[in-house]
PDB file of N, CA and C in Angstrom:
ATOM      1  N   MET A   1      -7.798  -6.649 -18.928  1.00  0.00           N
ATOM      2  CA  MET A   1      -8.291  -6.427 -17.584  1.00  0.00           C
ATOM      3  C   MET A   1      -8.539  -7.775 -16.909  1.00  0.00           C
ATOM      4  N   LYS A   2      -8.048  -7.886 -15.682  1.00  0.00           N
ATOM      5  CA  LYS A   2      -8.242  -9.111 -14.895  1.00  0.00           C
ATOM      6  C   LYS A   2      -9.580  -9.038 -14.177  1.00  0.00           C
ATOM      7  N   LYS A   3     -10.278 -10.150 -14.172  1.00  0.00           N
ATOM      8  CA  LYS A   3     -11.539 -10.243 -13.426  1.00  0.00           C
ATOM      9  C   LYS A   3     -11.273 -11.073 -12.182  1.00  0.00           C
ATOM     10  N   LEU A   4     -11.375 -10.427 -11.026  1.00  0.00           N
ATOM     11  CA  LEU A   4     -11.165 -11.092  -9.748  1.00  0.00           C
ATOM     12  C   LEU A   4     -12.527 -11.314  -9.108  1.00  0.00           C
ATOM     13  N   GLN A   5     -12.843 -12.568  -8.832  1.00  0.00           N
ATOM     14  CA  GLN A   5     -14.133 -12.892  -8.237  1.00  0.00           C
ATOM     15  C   GLN A   5     -13.925 -13.425  -6.827  1.00  0.00           C
ATOM     16  N   ILE A   6     -14.621 -12.827  -5.886  1.00  0.00           N
ATOM     17  CA  ILE A   6     -14.591 -13.265  -4.496  1.00  0.00           C
ATOM     18  C   ILE A   6     -15.844 -14.109  -4.288  1.00  0.00           C
ATOM     19  N   LEU A   7     -15.648 -15.386  -3.996  1.00  0.00           N
ATOM     20  CA  LEU A   7     -16.774 -16.293  -3.808  1.00  0.00           C
ATOM     21  C   LEU A   7     -17.000 -16.483  -2.312  1.00  0.00           C
ATOM     22  N   GLY A   8     -18.164 -16.068  -1.836  1.00  0.00           N
ATOM     23  CA  GLY A   8     -18.474 -16.204  -0.425  1.00  0.00           C
ATOM     24  C   GLY A   8     -19.725 -15.428  -0.071  1.00  0.00           C
ATOM     25  N   THR A   9     -20.182 -15.631   1.135  1.00  0.00           N
ATOM     26  CA  THR A   9     -21.459 -15.058   1.556  1.00  0.00           C
ATOM     27  C   THR A   9     -21.351 -13.636   2.099  1.00  0.00           C
ATOM     28  N   GLY A  10     -20.156 -13.085   2.138  1.00  0.00           N
ATOM     29  CA  GLY A  10     -19.990 -11.719   2.633  1.00  0.00           C
ATOM     30  C   GLY A  10     -19.521 -11.649   4.071  1.00  0.00           C
ATOM     31  N   CYS A  11     -18.978 -12.745   4.581  1.00  0.00           N
ATOM     32  CA  CYS A  11     -18.491 -12.789   5.961  1.00  0.00           C
ATOM     33  C   CYS A  11     -17.194 -11.977   6.110  1.00  0.00           C
ATOM     34  N   GLU A  12     -16.682 -11.910   7.328  1.00  0.00           N
ATOM     35  CA  GLU A  12     -15.445 -11.158   7.575  1.00  0.00           C
ATOM     36  C   GLU A  12     -14.276 -11.716   6.758  1.00  0.00           C
ATOM     37  N   LYS A  13     -14.206 -13.035   6.614  1.00  0.00           N
ATOM     38  CA  LYS A  13     -13.126 -13.642   5.830  1.00  0.00           C
ATOM     39  C   LYS A  13     -13.223 -13.210   4.373  1.00  0.00           C
ATOM     40  N   CYS A  14     -14.448 -13.128   3.852  1.00  0.00           N
ATOM     41  CA  CYS A  14     -14.653 -12.692   2.469  1.00  0.00           C
ATOM     42  C   CYS A  14     -14.186 -11.246   2.293  1.00  0.00           C
ATOM     43  N   LYS A  15     -14.497 -10.411   3.280  1.00  0.00           N
ATOM     44  CA  LYS A  15     -14.101  -9.000   3.221  1.00  0.00           C
ATOM     45  C   LYS A  15     -12.584  -8.875   3.238  1.00  0.00           C
ATOM     46  N   LYS A  16     -11.920  -9.684   4.060  1.00  0.00           N
ATOM     47  CA  LYS A  16     -10.455  -9.644   4.136  1.00  0.00           C
ATOM     48  C   LYS A  16      -9.838 -10.107   2.827  1.00  0.00           C
ATOM     49  N   LEU A  17     -10.405 -11.160   2.222  1.00  0.00           N
ATOM     50  CA  LEU A  17      -9.909 -11.643   0.930  1.00  0.00           C
ATOM     51  C   LEU A  17     -10.074 -10.555  -0.131  1.00  0.00           C
ATOM     52  N   THR A  18     -11.194  -9.843  -0.102  1.00  0.00           N
ATOM     53  CA  THR A  18     -11.425  -8.746  -1.048  1.00  0.00           C
ATOM     54  C   THR A  18     -10.365  -7.661  -0.871  1.00  0.00           C
ATOM     55  N   GLU A  19     -10.105  -7.281   0.380  1.00  0.00           N
ATOM     56  CA  GLU A  19      -9.071  -6.265   0.668  1.00  0.00           C
ATOM     57  C   GLU A  19      -7.714  -6.708   0.132  1.00  0.00           C
ATOM     58  N   ASN A  20      -7.342  -7.959   0.407  1.00  0.00           N
ATOM     59  CA  ASN A  20      -6.035  -8.466  -0.025  1.00  0.00           C
ATOM     60  C   ASN A  20      -5.939  -8.518  -1.547  1.00  0.00           C
ATOM     61  N   ALA A  21      -7.019  -8.920  -2.207  1.00  0.00           N
ATOM     62  CA  ALA A  21      -7.013  -8.998  -3.675  1.00  0.00           C
ATOM     63  C   ALA A  21      -6.886  -7.607  -4.291  1.00  0.00           C
ATOM     64  N   GLU A  22      -7.615  -6.633  -3.729  1.00  0.00           N
ATOM     65  CA  GLU A  22      -7.519  -5.263  -4.233  1.00  0.00           C
ATOM     66  C   GLU A  22      -6.119  -4.699  -4.035  1.00  0.00           C
ATOM     67  N   LYS A  23      -5.539  -4.953  -2.869  1.00  0.00           N
ATOM     68  CA  LYS A  23      -4.189  -4.463  -2.578  1.00  0.00           C
ATOM     69  C   LYS A  23      -3.182  -5.078  -3.557  1.00  0.00           C
ATOM     70  N   ALA A  24      -3.310  -6.378  -3.801  1.00  0.00           N
ATOM     71  CA  ALA A  24      -2.386  -7.057  -4.715  1.00  0.00           C
ATOM     72  C   ALA A  24      -2.493  -6.483  -6.123  1.00  0.00           C
ATOM     73  N   ALA A  25      -3.714  -6.306  -6.606  1.00  0.00           N
ATOM     74  CA  ALA A  25      -3.920  -5.787  -7.965  1.00  0.00           C
ATOM     75  C   ALA A  25      -3.386  -4.365  -8.093  1.00  0.00           C
ATOM     76  N   LYS A  26      -3.623  -3.546  -7.066  1.00  0.00           N
ATOM     77  CA  LYS A  26      -3.140  -2.161  -7.096  1.00  0.00           C
ATOM     78  C   LYS A  26      -1.611  -2.125  -7.086  1.00  0.00           C
ATOM     79  N   GLU A  27      -0.998  -2.989  -6.267  1.00  0.00           N
ATOM     80  CA  GLU A  27       0.471  -3.014  -6.195  1.00  0.00           C
ATOM     81  C   GLU A  27       1.082  -3.493  -7.500  1.00  0.00           C
ATOM     82  N   LEU A  28       0.367  -4.376  -8.215  1.00  0.00           N
ATOM     83  CA  LEU A  28       0.851  -4.835  -9.524  1.00  0.00           C
ATOM     84  C   LEU A  28       0.633  -3.778 -10.606  1.00  0.00           C
ATOM     85  N   GLY A  29      -0.251  -2.825 -10.320  1.00  0.00           N
ATOM     86  CA  GLY A  29      -0.532  -1.765 -11.282  1.00  0.00           C
ATOM     87  C   GLY A  29      -1.331  -2.249 -12.481  1.00  0.00           C
ATOM     88  N   ILE A  30      -2.161  -3.256 -12.289  1.00  0.00           N
ATOM     89  CA  ILE A  30      -2.947  -3.794 -13.399  1.00  0.00           C
ATOM     90  C   ILE A  30      -4.381  -3.257 -13.361  1.00  0.00           C
ATOM     91  N   GLU A  31      -5.034  -3.323 -14.524  1.00  0.00           N
ATOM     92  CA  GLU A  31      -6.453  -3.010 -14.561  1.00  0.00           C
ATOM     93  C   GLU A  31      -7.197  -4.234 -14.072  1.00  0.00           C
ATOM     94  N   TYR A  32      -8.159  -4.014 -13.201  1.00  0.00           N
ATOM     95  CA  TYR A  32      -8.893  -5.155 -12.655  1.00  0.00           C
ATOM     96  C   TYR A  32     -10.326  -4.764 -12.326  1.00  0.00           C
ATOM     97  N   GLU A  33     -11.141  -5.787 -12.200  1.00  0.00           N
ATOM     98  CA  GLU A  33     -12.533  -5.626 -11.795  1.00  0.00           C
ATOM     99  C   GLU A  33     -12.775  -6.661 -10.711  1.00  0.00           C
ATOM    100  N   ILE A  34     -13.416  -6.251  -9.623  1.00  0.00           N
ATOM    101  CA  ILE A  34     -13.741  -7.203  -8.560  1.00  0.00           C
ATOM    102  C   ILE A  34     -15.240  -7.461  -8.577  1.00  0.00           C
ATOM    103  N   GLU A  35     -15.580  -8.725  -8.591  1.00  0.00           N
ATOM    104  CA  GLU A  35     -16.987  -9.128  -8.541  1.00  0.00           C
ATOM    105  C   GLU A  35     -17.170 -10.015  -7.324  1.00  0.00           C
ATOM    106  N   LYS A  36     -18.176  -9.709  -6.531  1.00  0.00           N
ATOM    107  CA  LYS A  36     -18.479 -10.534  -5.361  1.00  0.00           C
ATOM    108  C   LYS A  36     -19.600 -11.495  -5.738  1.00  0.00           C
ATOM    109  N   VAL A  37     -19.324 -12.784  -5.620  1.00  0.00           N
ATOM    110  CA  VAL A  37     -20.307 -13.812  -5.923  1.00  0.00           C
ATOM    111  C   VAL A  37     -20.809 -14.354  -4.586  1.00  0.00           C
ATOM    112  N   THR A  38     -22.055 -14.006  -4.241  1.00  0.00           N
ATOM    113  CA  THR A  38     -22.586 -14.373  -2.932  1.00  0.00           C
ATOM    114  C   THR A  38     -23.676 -15.440  -3.009  1.00  0.00           C
ATOM    115  N   ASN A  39     -24.204 -15.686  -4.197  1.00  0.00           N
ATOM    116  CA  ASN A  39     -25.260 -16.686  -4.365  1.00  0.00           C
ATOM    117  C   ASN A  39     -24.663 -18.087  -4.266  1.00  0.00           C
ATOM    118  N   ILE A  40     -25.183 -18.877  -3.339  1.00  0.00           N
ATOM    119  CA  ILE A  40     -24.635 -20.218  -3.086  1.00  0.00           C
ATOM    120  C   ILE A  40     -24.645 -21.075  -4.349  1.00  0.00           C
ATOM    121  N   ASN A  41     -25.719 -21.001  -5.133  1.00  0.00           N
ATOM    122  CA  ASN A  41     -25.793 -21.806  -6.361  1.00  0.00           C
ATOM    123  C   ASN A  41     -24.716 -21.399  -7.359  1.00  0.00           C
ATOM    124  N   GLU A  42     -24.444 -20.099  -7.448  1.00  0.00           N
ATOM    125  CA  GLU A  42     -23.382 -19.623  -8.340  1.00  0.00           C
ATOM    126  C   GLU A  42     -22.014 -20.097  -7.841  1.00  0.00           C
ATOM    127  N   ILE A  43     -21.804 -20.050  -6.529  1.00  0.00           N
ATOM    128  CA  ILE A  43     -20.536 -20.501  -5.943  1.00  0.00           C
ATOM    129  C   ILE A  43     -20.332 -21.989  -6.238  1.00  0.00           C
ATOM    130  N   LEU A  44     -21.400 -22.769  -6.105  1.00  0.00           N
ATOM    131  CA  LEU A  44     -21.301 -24.211  -6.371  1.00  0.00           C
ATOM    132  C   LEU A  44     -20.968 -24.499  -7.827  1.00  0.00           C
ATOM    133  N   LYS A  45     -21.408 -23.630  -8.740  1.00  0.00           N
ATOM    134  CA  LYS A  45     -21.093 -23.818 -10.169  1.00  0.00           C
ATOM    135  C   LYS A  45     -19.582 -23.762 -10.411  1.00  0.00           C
ATOM    136  N   PHE A  46     -18.861 -23.084  -9.537  1.00  0.00           N
ATOM    137  CA  PHE A  46     -17.395 -23.019  -9.638  1.00  0.00           C
ATOM    138  C   PHE A  46     -16.755 -24.287  -9.074  1.00  0.00           C
ATOM    139  N   GLY A  47     -17.558 -25.130  -8.419  1.00  0.00           N
ATOM    140  CA  GLY A  47     -17.020 -26.332  -7.791  1.00  0.00           C
ATOM    141  C   GLY A  47     -16.435 -26.059  -6.419  1.00  0.00           C
ATOM    142  N   VAL A  48     -16.774 -24.917  -5.848  1.00  0.00           N
ATOM    143  CA  VAL A  48     -16.235 -24.516  -4.546  1.00  0.00           C
ATOM    144  C   VAL A  48     -17.154 -25.004  -3.433  1.00  0.00           C
ATOM    145  N   MET A  49     -16.570 -25.713  -2.481  1.00  0.00           N
ATOM    146  CA  MET A  49     -17.332 -26.199  -1.329  1.00  0.00           C
ATOM    147  C   MET A  49     -16.976 -25.444  -0.047  1.00  0.00           C
ATOM    148  N   VAL A  50     -15.837 -24.763  -0.043  1.00  0.00           N
ATOM    149  CA  VAL A  50     -15.370 -24.038   1.138  1.00  0.00           C
ATOM    150  C   VAL A  50     -15.082 -22.598   0.731  1.00  0.00           C
ATOM    151  N   THR A  51     -15.671 -21.659   1.471  1.00  0.00           N
ATOM    152  CA  THR A  51     -15.419 -20.254   1.180  1.00  0.00           C
ATOM    153  C   THR A  51     -14.579 -19.642   2.295  1.00  0.00           C
ATOM    154  N   PRO A  52     -13.948 -18.528   2.078  1.00  0.00           N
ATOM    155  CA  PRO A  52     -13.983 -17.761   0.839  1.00  0.00           C
ATOM    156  C   PRO A  52     -13.089 -18.390  -0.218  1.00  0.00           C
ATOM    157  N   ALA A  53     -13.354 -17.998  -1.467  1.00  0.00           N
ATOM    158  CA  ALA A  53     -12.534 -18.472  -2.574  1.00  0.00           C
ATOM    159  C   ALA A  53     -12.254 -17.300  -3.502  1.00  0.00           C
ATOM    160  N   LEU A  54     -11.164 -17.420  -4.236  1.00  0.00           N
ATOM    161  CA  LEU A  54     -10.778 -16.391  -5.203  1.00  0.00           C
ATOM    162  C   LEU A  54     -10.673 -17.029  -6.576  1.00  0.00           C
ATOM    163  N   ALA A  55     -11.389 -16.448  -7.535  1.00  0.00           N
ATOM    164  CA  ALA A  55     -11.272 -16.888  -8.925  1.00  0.00           C
ATOM    165  C   ALA A  55     -10.668 -15.737  -9.727  1.00  0.00           C
ATOM    166  N   VAL A  56      -9.749 -16.079 -10.634  1.00  0.00           N
ATOM    167  CA  VAL A  56      -9.133 -15.094 -11.515  1.00  0.00           C
ATOM    168  C   VAL A  56      -9.533 -15.461 -12.936  1.00  0.00           C
ATOM    169  N   ASP A  57     -10.198 -14.527 -13.601  1.00  0.00           N
ATOM    170  CA  ASP A  57     -10.700 -14.757 -14.963  1.00  0.00           C
ATOM    171  C   ASP A  57     -11.500 -16.054 -15.055  1.00  0.00           C
ATOM    172  N   GLY A  58     -12.338 -16.311 -14.038  1.00  0.00           N
ATOM    173  CA  GLY A  58     -13.243 -17.454 -14.064  1.00  0.00           C
ATOM    174  C   GLY A  58     -12.674 -18.770 -13.577  1.00  0.00           C
ATOM    175  N   LYS A  59     -11.375 -18.785 -13.211  1.00  0.00           N
ATOM    176  CA  LYS A  59     -10.744 -20.020 -12.728  1.00  0.00           C
ATOM    177  C   LYS A  59     -10.428 -19.885 -11.242  1.00  0.00           C
ATOM    178  N   VAL A  60     -10.915 -20.836 -10.455  1.00  0.00           N
ATOM    179  CA  VAL A  60     -10.678 -20.795  -9.007  1.00  0.00           C
ATOM    180  C   VAL A  60      -9.197 -21.025  -8.731  1.00  0.00           C
ATOM    181  N   LYS A  61      -8.600 -20.112  -7.990  1.00  0.00           N
ATOM    182  CA  LYS A  61      -7.172 -20.190  -7.661  1.00  0.00           C
ATOM    183  C   LYS A  61      -6.932 -20.638  -6.228  1.00  0.00           C
ATOM    184  N   VAL A  62      -7.858 -20.306  -5.335  1.00  0.00           N
ATOM    185  CA  VAL A  62      -7.698 -20.678  -3.928  1.00  0.00           C
ATOM    186  C   VAL A  62      -9.079 -20.713  -3.273  1.00  0.00           C
ATOM    187  N   ALA A  63      -9.259 -21.684  -2.373  1.00  0.00           N
ATOM    188  CA  ALA A  63     -10.534 -21.793  -1.645  1.00  0.00           C
ATOM    189  C   ALA A  63     -10.262 -22.218  -0.210  1.00  0.00           C
ATOM    190  N   GLY A  64     -11.035 -21.656   0.706  1.00  0.00           N
ATOM    191  CA  GLY A  64     -10.957 -22.076   2.096  1.00  0.00           C
ATOM    192  C   GLY A  64      -9.930 -21.368   2.941  1.00  0.00           C
ATOM    193  N   ASN A  65      -9.178 -20.447   2.341  1.00  0.00           N
ATOM    194  CA  ASN A  65      -8.257 -19.658   3.159  1.00  0.00           C
ATOM    195  C   ASN A  65      -8.096 -18.267   2.564  1.00  0.00           C
ATOM    196  N   ILE A  66      -7.339 -17.441   3.276  1.00  0.00           N
ATOM    197  CA  ILE A  66      -7.152 -16.056   2.859  1.00  0.00           C
ATOM    198  C   ILE A  66      -5.672 -15.825   2.581  1.00  0.00           C
ATOM    199  N   PRO A  67      -5.268 -15.918   1.313  1.00  0.00           N
ATOM    200  CA  PRO A  67      -3.852 -15.679   1.005  1.00  0.00           C
ATOM    201  C   PRO A  67      -3.482 -14.208   1.204  1.00  0.00           C
ATOM    202  N   SER A  68      -2.225 -13.981   1.471  1.00  0.00           N
ATOM    203  CA  SER A  68      -1.712 -12.619   1.638  1.00  0.00           C
ATOM    204  C   SER A  68      -1.714 -11.905   0.289  1.00  0.00           C
ATOM    205  N   PRO A  69      -1.633 -10.571   0.309  1.00  0.00           N
ATOM    206  CA  PRO A  69      -1.528  -9.849  -0.968  1.00  0.00           C
ATOM    207  C   PRO A  69      -0.353 -10.349  -1.811  1.00  0.00           C
ATOM    208  N   GLU A  70       0.770 -10.679  -1.170  1.00  0.00           N
ATOM    209  CA  GLU A  70       1.944 -11.186  -1.908  1.00  0.00           C
ATOM    210  C   GLU A  70       1.616 -12.503  -2.616  1.00  0.00           C
ATOM    211  N   ALA A  71       0.909 -13.389  -1.937  1.00  0.00           N
ATOM    212  CA  ALA A  71       0.538 -14.679  -2.542  1.00  0.00           C
ATOM    213  C   ALA A  71      -0.465 -14.469  -3.664  1.00  0.00           C
ATOM    214  N   ILE A  72      -1.382 -13.517  -3.489  1.00  0.00           N
ATOM    215  CA  ILE A  72      -2.383 -13.250  -4.520  1.00  0.00           C
ATOM    216  C   ILE A  72      -1.722 -12.701  -5.781  1.00  0.00           C
ATOM    217  N   LYS A  73      -0.692 -11.885  -5.622  1.00  0.00           N
ATOM    218  CA  LYS A  73       0.024 -11.363  -6.793  1.00  0.00           C
ATOM    219  C   LYS A  73       0.490 -12.509  -7.696  1.00  0.00           C
ATOM    220  N   LYS A  74       0.991 -13.573  -7.087  1.00  0.00           N
ATOM    221  CA  LYS A  74       1.473 -14.727  -7.855  1.00  0.00           C
ATOM    222  C   LYS A  74       0.324 -15.434  -8.563  1.00  0.00           C
ATOM    223  N   LEU A  75      -0.856 -15.440  -7.934  1.00  0.00           N
ATOM    224  CA  LEU A  75      -2.026 -16.091  -8.529  1.00  0.00           C
ATOM    225  C   LEU A  75      -2.584 -15.271  -9.697  1.00  0.00           C
ATOM    226  N   ILE A  76      -2.432 -13.963  -9.633  1.00  0.00           N
ATOM    227  CA  ILE A  76      -2.976 -13.095 -10.666  1.00  0.00           C
ATOM    228  C   ILE A  76      -2.114 -13.119 -11.923  1.00  0.00           C
ATOM    229  N   THR A  77      -0.803 -13.148 -11.738  1.00  0.00           N
ATOM    230  CA  THR A  77       0.103 -13.034 -12.900  1.00  0.00           C
ATOM    231  C   THR A  77       0.408 -14.363 -13.539  1.00  0.00           C
TER     232      THR A  77
END
């Protein structure tokens, strides 16, 4: 199971990243879990200075922008 973490304070960009990540995982047909990390101190522990960010299995894959579902598929696999 893939663990997808959305790092951000819950803004509109964070919500869009969550939607795109869910769509990508569903289209890939994989088992996944989405965790929203909203605590600033927790986000900083990832080394992220710009949100939103996406971490896959604990590793930050993208920060500061919202990749498309197609781009996220490549980051997940």
